[in-house]
């Protein structure tokens, strides 16, 4: 007796299934970004700006608001506003509540969020090079970087799926 055949897929099912998976992954970022903001990015000892051992995006912003308001605004835009707005905007596009013509603007917001990862990396390199103390990266930096890169990938994949549909 022959084994039963798997049910055949209709030609149009692929993009719909893919879009559903992209939606779920994008919605997961709405949970992962706030976790990444509170997670330790760095472990630092003896830095003049931060008098703590673990620095997260949120604790770093709290210190920056007291030391340099312009830089605090910039980091707030790059680390909090841009990635979250991008994720929400992409969800609106994925659910058909916003026009796919917004995808280029969404992609720019993703690049702005990536700028924050580079700022953190530059901070680590400068702090280590100047020898102001010991600086180690922590798991939150990797989570935040993953979220930003995943968000960039999701917007690119969404654009492809919507162009095929």
C-alpha atoms as a PDB file:
ATOM      1  CA  UNK A   1       0.000   0.000   0.000  1.00  0.00           C
ATOM      2  CA  UNK A   2       1.385   3.414  -0.959  1.00  0.00           C
ATOM      3  CA  UNK A   3       1.831   6.162   1.581  1.00  0.00           C
ATOM      4  CA  UNK A   4      -0.729   8.962   1.337  1.00  0.00           C
ATOM      5  CA  UNK A   5       0.407  12.067  -0.461  1.00  0.00           C
ATOM      6  CA  UNK A   6       0.766  15.330   1.411  1.00  0.00           C
ATOM      7  CA  UNK A   7      -1.987  17.796   0.613  1.00  0.00           C
ATOM      8  CA  UNK A   8      -1.007  20.020  -2.276  1.00  0.00           C
ATOM      9  CA  UNK A   9      -0.674  23.729  -1.724  1.00  0.00           C
ATOM     10  CA  UNK A  10      -2.308  26.223  -3.936  1.00  0.00           C
ATOM     11  CA  UNK A  11       0.057  28.581  -5.661  1.00  0.00           C
ATOM     12  CA  UNK A  12      -1.118  31.641  -3.684  1.00  0.00           C
ATOM     13  CA  UNK A  13      -0.741  30.089  -0.214  1.00  0.00           C
ATOM     14  CA  UNK A  14       3.019  30.654   0.032  1.00  0.00           C
ATOM     15  CA  UNK A  15       2.997  34.466   0.346  1.00  0.00           C
ATOM     16  CA  UNK A  16       0.086  34.381   2.818  1.00  0.00           C
ATOM     17  CA  UNK A  17       1.853  31.899   5.086  1.00  0.00           C
ATOM     18  CA  UNK A  18       5.095  33.850   4.792  1.00  0.00           C
ATOM     19  CA  UNK A  19       3.329  37.107   5.636  1.00  0.00           C
ATOM     20  CA  UNK A  20       1.748  35.495   8.721  1.00  0.00           C
ATOM     21  CA  UNK A  21       5.181  34.363   9.925  1.00  0.00           C
ATOM     22  CA  UNK A  22       6.636  37.823   9.272  1.00  0.00           C
ATOM     23  CA  UNK A  23       3.779  39.378  11.258  1.00  0.00           C
ATOM     24  CA  UNK A  24       4.455  37.093  14.227  1.00  0.00           C
ATOM     25  CA  UNK A  25       8.181  37.787  14.138  1.00  0.00           C
ATOM     26  CA  UNK A  26       7.561  41.531  13.917  1.00  0.00           C
ATOM     27  CA  UNK A  27       5.094  41.449  16.829  1.00  0.00           C
ATOM     28  CA  UNK A  28       7.686  39.526  18.866  1.00  0.00           C
ATOM     29  CA  UNK A  29       9.982  42.530  18.437  1.00  0.00           C
ATOM     30  CA  UNK A  30       7.401  44.665  20.265  1.00  0.00           C
ATOM     31  CA  UNK A  31       8.202  42.500  23.298  1.00  0.00           C
ATOM     32  CA  UNK A  32      11.919  42.004  22.677  1.00  0.00           C
ATOM     33  CA  UNK A  33      12.842  45.682  22.181  1.00  0.00           C
ATOM     34  CA  UNK A  34      11.727  46.770  25.695  1.00  0.00           C
ATOM     35  CA  UNK A  35      13.559  43.773  27.176  1.00  0.00           C
ATOM     36  CA  UNK A  36      16.692  44.806  25.271  1.00  0.00           C
ATOM     37  CA  UNK A  37      16.357  48.386  26.559  1.00  0.00           C
ATOM     38  CA  UNK A  38      16.337  47.195  30.176  1.00  0.00           C
ATOM     39  CA  UNK A  39      18.977  44.478  29.705  1.00  0.00           C
ATOM     40  CA  UNK A  40      22.612  45.208  30.558  1.00  0.00           C
ATOM     41  CA  UNK A  41      24.517  46.405  27.488  1.00  0.00           C
ATOM     42  CA  UNK A  42      27.835  46.897  29.218  1.00  0.00           C
ATOM     43  CA  UNK A  43      29.549  46.122  32.452  1.00  0.00           C
ATOM     44  CA  UNK A  44      31.757  49.019  33.336  1.00  0.00           C
ATOM     45  CA  UNK A  45      33.958  49.805  36.250  1.00  0.00           C
ATOM     46  CA  UNK A  46      35.157  53.294  37.059  1.00  0.00           C
ATOM     47  CA  UNK A  47      33.763  55.431  34.238  1.00  0.00           C
ATOM     48  CA  UNK A  48      33.222  59.125  34.978  1.00  0.00           C
ATOM     49  CA  UNK A  49      29.751  59.386  33.417  1.00  0.00           C
ATOM     50  CA  UNK A  50      28.325  56.159  34.810  1.00  0.00           C
ATOM     51  CA  UNK A  51      28.821  55.321  38.462  1.00  0.00           C
ATOM     52  CA  UNK A  52      27.369  51.816  38.106  1.00  0.00           C
ATOM     53  CA  UNK A  53      28.572  48.405  37.100  1.00  0.00           C
ATOM     54  CA  UNK A  54      25.886  47.533  34.534  1.00  0.00           C
ATOM     55  CA  UNK A  55      24.647  49.980  31.935  1.00  0.00           C
ATOM     56  CA  UNK A  56      21.435  49.432  30.003  1.00  0.00           C
ATOM     57  CA  UNK A  57      19.860  51.676  27.396  1.00  0.00           C
ATOM     58  CA  UNK A  58      17.422  52.965  30.021  1.00  0.00           C
ATOM     59  CA  UNK A  59      19.986  53.531  32.766  1.00  0.00           C
ATOM     60  CA  UNK A  60      22.361  55.117  30.261  1.00  0.00           C
ATOM     61  CA  UNK A  61      19.599  57.471  29.138  1.00  0.00           C
ATOM     62  CA  UNK A  62      18.854  58.406  32.741  1.00  0.00           C
ATOM     63  CA  UNK A  63      22.502  59.364  33.232  1.00  0.00           C
ATOM     64  CA  UNK A  64      22.643  61.206  29.909  1.00  0.00           C
ATOM     65  CA  UNK A  65      19.578  63.328  30.751  1.00  0.00           C
ATOM     66  CA  UNK A  66      21.553  64.729  33.684  1.00  0.00           C
ATOM     67  CA  UNK A  67      24.829  65.191  31.789  1.00  0.00           C
ATOM     68  CA  UNK A  68      23.967  66.085  28.172  1.00  0.00           C
ATOM     69  CA  UNK A  69      20.377  66.699  27.114  1.00  0.00           C
ATOM     70  CA  UNK A  70      21.151  66.894  23.367  1.00  0.00           C
ATOM     71  CA  UNK A  71      22.925  63.533  23.407  1.00  0.00           C
ATOM     72  CA  UNK A  72      20.112  62.081  25.529  1.00  0.00           C
ATOM     73  CA  UNK A  73      17.562  63.236  22.931  1.00  0.00           C
ATOM     74  CA  UNK A  74      19.643  61.742  20.125  1.00  0.00           C
ATOM     75  CA  UNK A  75      20.025  58.393  21.885  1.00  0.00           C
ATOM     76  CA  UNK A  76      16.323  58.389  22.787  1.00  0.00           C
ATOM     77  CA  UNK A  77      15.482  58.885  19.114  1.00  0.00           C
ATOM     78  CA  UNK A  78      17.946  56.248  17.910  1.00  0.00           C
ATOM     79  CA  UNK A  79      17.471  53.614  20.607  1.00  0.00           C
ATOM     80  CA  UNK A  80      13.803  53.909  21.583  1.00  0.00           C
ATOM     81  CA  UNK A  81      11.698  55.908  19.135  1.00  0.00           C
ATOM     82  CA  UNK A  82      13.122  54.762  15.776  1.00  0.00           C
ATOM     83  CA  UNK A  83      13.068  50.994  16.374  1.00  0.00           C
ATOM     84  CA  UNK A  84       9.676  50.964  18.083  1.00  0.00           C
ATOM     85  CA  UNK A  85       8.064  53.274  15.499  1.00  0.00           C
ATOM     86  CA  UNK A  86       9.558  51.142  12.744  1.00  0.00           C
ATOM     87  CA  UNK A  87       8.170  47.962  14.276  1.00  0.00           C
ATOM     88  CA  UNK A  88       4.697  49.456  14.753  1.00  0.00           C
ATOM     89  CA  UNK A  89       4.746  50.955  11.246  1.00  0.00           C
ATOM     90  CA  UNK A  90       5.771  47.631   9.735  1.00  0.00           C
ATOM     91  CA  UNK A  91       2.960  45.881  11.631  1.00  0.00           C
ATOM     92  CA  UNK A  92       0.470  48.397  10.248  1.00  0.00           C
ATOM     93  CA  UNK A  93       1.721  47.682   6.719  1.00  0.00           C
ATOM     94  CA  UNK A  94       1.668  43.920   7.273  1.00  0.00           C
ATOM     95  CA  UNK A  95      -1.934  44.016   8.502  1.00  0.00           C
ATOM     96  CA  UNK A  96      -3.040  46.253   5.641  1.00  0.00           C
ATOM     97  CA  UNK A  97      -3.704  49.276   7.869  1.00  0.00           C
ATOM     98  CA  UNK A  98      -1.026  51.408   6.187  1.00  0.00           C
ATOM     99  CA  UNK A  99       0.192  51.681   2.627  1.00  0.00           C
ATOM    100  CA  UNK A 100       3.221  49.653   1.486  1.00  0.00           C
ATOM    101  CA  UNK A 101       4.498  52.943   0.052  1.00  0.00           C
ATOM    102  CA  UNK A 102       5.678  53.688   3.612  1.00  0.00           C
ATOM    103  CA  UNK A 103       8.281  50.907   3.414  1.00  0.00           C
ATOM    104  CA  UNK A 104      11.145  53.224   2.338  1.00  0.00           C
ATOM    105  CA  UNK A 105      10.514  55.445   5.393  1.00  0.00           C
ATOM    106  CA  UNK A 106      10.331  52.343   7.581  1.00  0.00           C
ATOM    107  CA  UNK A 107      13.682  51.209   6.196  1.00  0.00           C
ATOM    108  CA  UNK A 108      15.255  54.604   7.042  1.00  0.00           C
ATOM    109  CA  UNK A 109      14.013  54.285  10.636  1.00  0.00           C
ATOM    110  CA  UNK A 110      15.710  50.896  10.807  1.00  0.00           C
ATOM    111  CA  UNK A 111      18.985  52.432   9.727  1.00  0.00           C
ATOM    112  CA  UNK A 112      18.610  55.090  12.430  1.00  0.00           C
ATOM    113  CA  UNK A 113      18.175  52.342  15.009  1.00  0.00           C
ATOM    114  CA  UNK A 114      21.341  50.682  13.728  1.00  0.00           C
ATOM    115  CA  UNK A 115      23.194  53.945  14.366  1.00  0.00           C
ATOM    116  CA  UNK A 116      22.622  53.454  18.084  1.00  0.00           C
ATOM    117  CA  UNK A 117      24.359  50.075  17.986  1.00  0.00           C
ATOM    118  CA  UNK A 118      27.355  51.780  16.360  1.00  0.00           C
ATOM    119  CA  UNK A 119      27.335  54.517  19.035  1.00  0.00           C
ATOM    120  CA  UNK A 120      27.514  51.863  21.734  1.00  0.00           C
ATOM    121  CA  UNK A 121      30.316  50.058  19.914  1.00  0.00           C
ATOM    122  CA  UNK A 122      32.282  53.305  19.572  1.00  0.00           C
ATOM    123  CA  UNK A 123      31.774  53.970  23.291  1.00  0.00           C
ATOM    124  CA  UNK A 124      33.199  50.529  24.133  1.00  0.00           C
ATOM    125  CA  UNK A 125      36.224  51.020  21.862  1.00  0.00           C
ATOM    126  CA  UNK A 126      36.954  54.524  23.213  1.00  0.00           C
ATOM    127  CA  UNK A 127      36.550  53.471  26.844  1.00  0.00           C
ATOM    128  CA  UNK A 128      38.860  50.493  26.356  1.00  0.00           C
ATOM    129  CA  UNK A 129      41.392  52.518  24.356  1.00  0.00           C
ATOM    130  CA  UNK A 130      41.601  55.381  26.826  1.00  0.00           C
ATOM    131  CA  UNK A 131      41.927  52.961  29.708  1.00  0.00           C
ATOM    132  CA  UNK A 132      39.303  54.599  31.925  1.00  0.00           C
ATOM    133  CA  UNK A 133      38.488  51.288  33.485  1.00  0.00           C
ATOM    134  CA  UNK A 134      37.252  47.914  32.494  1.00  0.00           C
ATOM    135  CA  UNK A 135      34.423  47.660  29.952  1.00  0.00           C
ATOM    136  CA  UNK A 136      32.805  44.390  28.925  1.00  0.00           C
ATOM    137  CA  UNK A 137      29.872  43.844  26.629  1.00  0.00           C
ATOM    138  CA  UNK A 138      26.858  42.140  28.167  1.00  0.00           C
ATOM    139  CA  UNK A 139      24.031  40.042  26.741  1.00  0.00           C
ATOM    140  CA  UNK A 140      21.719  43.029  26.283  1.00  0.00           C
ATOM    141  CA  UNK A 141      23.979  44.473  23.590  1.00  0.00           C
ATOM    142  CA  UNK A 142      23.630  41.276  21.601  1.00  0.00           C
ATOM    143  CA  UNK A 143      19.860  41.192  22.155  1.00  0.00           C
ATOM    144  CA  UNK A 144      19.496  44.829  21.097  1.00  0.00           C
ATOM    145  CA  UNK A 145      21.684  44.246  18.030  1.00  0.00           C
ATOM    146  CA  UNK A 146      19.656  41.141  17.151  1.00  0.00           C
ATOM    147  CA  UNK A 147      16.396  43.099  17.445  1.00  0.00           C
ATOM    148  CA  UNK A 148      17.660  45.877  15.180  1.00  0.00           C
ATOM    149  CA  UNK A 149      19.021  43.446  12.574  1.00  0.00           C
ATOM    150  CA  UNK A 150      15.871  41.296  12.737  1.00  0.00           C
ATOM    151  CA  UNK A 151      13.774  44.398  12.233  1.00  0.00           C
ATOM    152  CA  UNK A 152      15.809  45.352   9.157  1.00  0.00           C
ATOM    153  CA  UNK A 153      15.456  41.839   7.750  1.00  0.00           C
ATOM    154  CA  UNK A 154      11.722  41.724   8.450  1.00  0.00           C
ATOM    155  CA  UNK A 155      11.104  44.988   6.615  1.00  0.00           C
ATOM    156  CA  UNK A 156      13.076  43.760   3.592  1.00  0.00           C
ATOM    157  CA  UNK A 157      11.283  40.406   3.560  1.00  0.00           C
ATOM    158  CA  UNK A 158       7.907  42.091   3.977  1.00  0.00           C
ATOM    159  CA  UNK A 159       8.621  44.317   0.981  1.00  0.00           C
ATOM    160  CA  UNK A 160       9.471  41.238  -1.110  1.00  0.00           C
ATOM    161  CA  UNK A 161       6.353  39.351  -0.041  1.00  0.00           C
ATOM    162  CA  UNK A 162       4.087  42.343  -0.685  1.00  0.00           C
ATOM    163  CA  UNK A 163       5.642  42.881  -4.110  1.00  0.00           C
ATOM    164  CA  UNK A 164       4.949  39.226  -5.013  1.00  0.00           C
ATOM    165  CA  UNK A 165       1.354  39.277  -3.771  1.00  0.00           C
END
